[in-house]
Protein backbone atom coordinates (compact mmCIF):
# COMPACT_ATOMS: atom_id res chain seq x y z
CA MET A 1 -37.14 31.50 187.09
CA ILE A 2 -37.24 27.98 185.60
CA ARG A 3 -34.05 26.96 187.44
CA ARG A 4 -35.39 28.31 190.74
CA ILE A 5 -38.65 26.40 190.34
CA ALA A 6 -36.77 23.22 189.46
CA ALA A 7 -34.42 23.67 192.43
CA SER A 8 -37.37 24.18 194.78
CA TYR A 9 -38.71 20.74 193.84
CA GLU A 10 -35.44 18.79 193.35
CA ALA A 11 -32.51 18.90 195.79
CA ASN A 12 -30.06 16.88 193.69
CA PRO A 13 -28.31 19.37 191.35
CA HIS A 14 -28.00 16.85 188.51
CA LEU A 15 -31.64 15.86 188.70
CA ALA A 16 -32.63 19.54 188.99
CA GLU A 17 -30.75 20.19 185.74
CA GLU A 18 -32.61 17.31 184.10
CA LEU A 19 -35.86 18.81 185.37
CA VAL A 20 -34.92 22.15 183.81
CA GLN A 21 -34.44 20.37 180.49
CA GLU A 22 -37.82 18.64 180.88
CA ILE A 23 -39.44 22.01 181.57
CA HIS A 24 -37.84 23.55 178.48
CA PHE A 25 -39.09 20.66 176.38
CA ALA A 26 -42.60 20.96 177.88
CA LEU A 27 -42.59 24.70 177.13
CA TRP A 28 -41.51 24.09 173.56
CA ARG A 29 -44.38 21.61 173.11
CA ALA A 30 -46.98 23.81 174.88
CA LEU A 31 -46.07 27.14 173.30
CA PRO A 32 -48.26 26.65 170.18
CA ALA A 33 -51.27 26.24 172.52
CA PHE A 34 -50.56 29.54 174.34
CA ARG A 35 -53.68 31.72 173.90
CA GLY A 36 -52.43 34.88 175.58
CA ASP A 37 -55.01 34.78 178.41
CA ALA A 38 -52.20 35.36 180.90
CA SER A 39 -48.69 36.77 180.70
CA VAL A 40 -45.91 34.66 179.22
CA ARG A 41 -44.24 34.67 182.62
CA THR A 42 -47.34 33.15 184.26
CA PHE A 43 -47.64 30.62 181.44
CA VAL A 44 -43.99 29.57 181.89
CA ALA A 45 -44.36 29.39 185.68
CA ARG A 46 -47.48 27.20 185.37
CA ILE A 47 -45.79 24.79 182.92
CA ALA A 48 -42.64 24.68 185.10
CA THR A 49 -44.62 24.01 188.27
CA ASN A 50 -46.76 21.31 186.65
CA ARG A 51 -43.69 19.60 185.21
CA ALA A 52 -41.91 19.78 188.60
CA ILE A 53 -44.91 18.24 190.36
CA THR A 54 -44.97 15.44 187.79
CA HIS A 55 -41.23 14.95 188.33
CA VAL A 56 -41.69 14.60 192.11
CA ALA A 57 -44.63 12.21 191.70
CA ARG A 58 -42.58 10.03 189.34
CA ALA A 59 -39.64 10.06 191.76
CA LEU A 60 -41.87 8.91 194.61
CA LYS A 61 -43.16 5.97 192.54
CA SER A 62 -39.73 4.78 191.44
CA PRO A 63 -37.63 2.70 193.84
CA PRO A 64 -34.85 4.58 195.58
CA SER A 65 -31.47 4.23 193.94
CA LEU A 66 -28.08 4.41 195.55
CA GLU A 67 -25.40 6.62 194.17
CA LEU A 68 -22.34 4.60 193.29
CA ASN A 69 -19.24 5.70 195.10
CA GLU A 70 -16.31 4.16 196.92
CA GLN A 71 -18.15 4.16 200.25
CA ILE A 72 -20.69 1.46 199.32
CA PRO A 73 -19.46 -1.80 200.82
CA ALA A 74 -19.17 -4.81 198.60
CA PRO A 75 -21.57 -7.61 199.42
CA GLY A 76 -20.04 -10.50 201.30
CA ASP A 77 -16.55 -10.60 202.69
CA ASP A 78 -14.04 -7.88 201.98
CA PRO A 79 -11.84 -9.20 199.11
CA GLU A 80 -8.66 -8.01 200.81
CA ARG A 81 -9.63 -9.65 204.09
CA LYS A 82 -10.56 -12.84 202.23
CA ALA A 83 -7.19 -12.89 200.45
CA ILE A 84 -5.36 -12.39 203.74
CA ALA A 85 -7.37 -15.19 205.35
CA LEU A 86 -6.58 -17.54 202.44
CA SER A 87 -2.91 -16.61 202.67
CA ASP A 88 -2.90 -17.21 206.43
CA GLN A 89 -4.65 -20.53 205.93
CA ALA A 90 -2.13 -21.60 203.30
CA HIS A 91 0.72 -20.53 205.59
CA LEU A 92 -0.79 -22.53 208.47
CA MET A 93 -1.29 -25.63 206.33
CA ALA A 94 2.30 -25.43 205.10
CA ALA A 95 3.46 -25.29 208.72
CA VAL A 96 1.19 -28.22 209.67
CA ARG A 97 2.73 -30.29 206.86
CA ARG A 98 6.16 -29.70 208.43
CA LEU A 99 5.09 -31.16 211.80
CA PRO A 100 6.09 -34.71 212.76
CA LEU A 101 3.42 -37.22 211.71
CA SER A 102 2.13 -37.89 215.24
CA HIS A 103 1.59 -34.18 215.87
CA ARG A 104 0.26 -33.56 212.36
CA GLN A 105 -2.47 -36.17 212.80
CA ALA A 106 -3.68 -34.66 216.08
CA VAL A 107 -3.61 -31.09 214.72
CA THR A 108 -5.37 -32.00 211.48
CA LEU A 109 -8.18 -33.71 213.37
CA ALA A 110 -8.43 -30.78 215.81
CA LEU A 111 -8.63 -28.33 212.90
CA GLU A 112 -11.52 -30.40 211.56
CA GLY A 113 -13.39 -29.72 214.80
CA LEU A 114 -12.95 -33.04 216.58
CA ALA A 115 -12.81 -32.98 220.37
CA PRO A 116 -9.71 -34.40 222.12
CA LYS A 117 -11.76 -37.46 223.21
CA GLU A 118 -12.76 -38.13 219.58
CA ILE A 119 -9.17 -37.68 218.43
CA ALA A 120 -8.01 -40.08 221.14
CA ASP A 121 -10.52 -42.69 220.00
CA PHE A 122 -9.49 -42.21 216.38
CA LEU A 123 -5.74 -42.47 217.06
CA GLY A 124 -6.02 -45.15 219.77
CA LEU A 125 -4.55 -42.87 222.43
CA THR A 126 -5.70 -41.51 225.76
CA PRO A 127 -7.25 -38.01 225.83
CA ASN A 128 -4.30 -36.89 227.96
CA ALA A 129 -1.81 -38.07 225.32
CA VAL A 130 -3.77 -36.18 222.65
CA ALA A 131 -3.74 -33.02 224.81
CA VAL A 132 0.04 -33.32 225.19
CA ARG A 133 0.51 -33.79 221.41
CA LEU A 134 -1.72 -30.81 220.65
CA SER A 135 0.14 -28.64 223.14
CA ARG A 136 3.52 -29.60 221.67
CA ALA A 137 2.17 -29.16 218.14
CA LYS A 138 0.96 -25.63 219.00
CA ASP A 139 4.43 -24.74 220.28
CA LEU A 140 6.03 -26.12 217.12
CA LEU A 141 3.52 -24.25 214.93
CA ARG A 142 4.27 -20.99 216.75
CA ASN A 143 7.94 -21.46 215.97
CA LEU A 144 7.29 -22.47 212.35
CA ILE A 145 4.90 -19.61 211.67
CA GLY A 146 6.85 -17.09 213.70
CA ALA A 147 3.90 -16.02 215.84
CA THR A 148 4.16 -15.10 219.47
CA PRO A 149 1.99 -16.86 222.07
């Protein structure tokens, strides 16, 4: 009877088992006060129900907790994805270092977010010359990295 009462108030089997233990403890503490006005079964049912109601009220007041399992995503970036991105970045930078200096300068500035006009001003070239260098550098990088266009 105690397990059924606990299960009717708590769906989680582990928490229901804890509730059963709480009920047993409450019965042990209340038994000396039992006067015999009702049957023992009624007395046990009343204690079990009161303890279950208290359990539910306490659960409603406490903040919800998440069960830890493998399905909870880690906060931030996925560590595997981050490692792959760092590896790709290192691979790209190694390939950029192998470019001829004129191409390397244009690519480095482009990777920093500068527009072709800004790169042209910086290198003292025309925007068209920068576009040609970037195009050739991209082709060389594809070959160095082994990527397809």
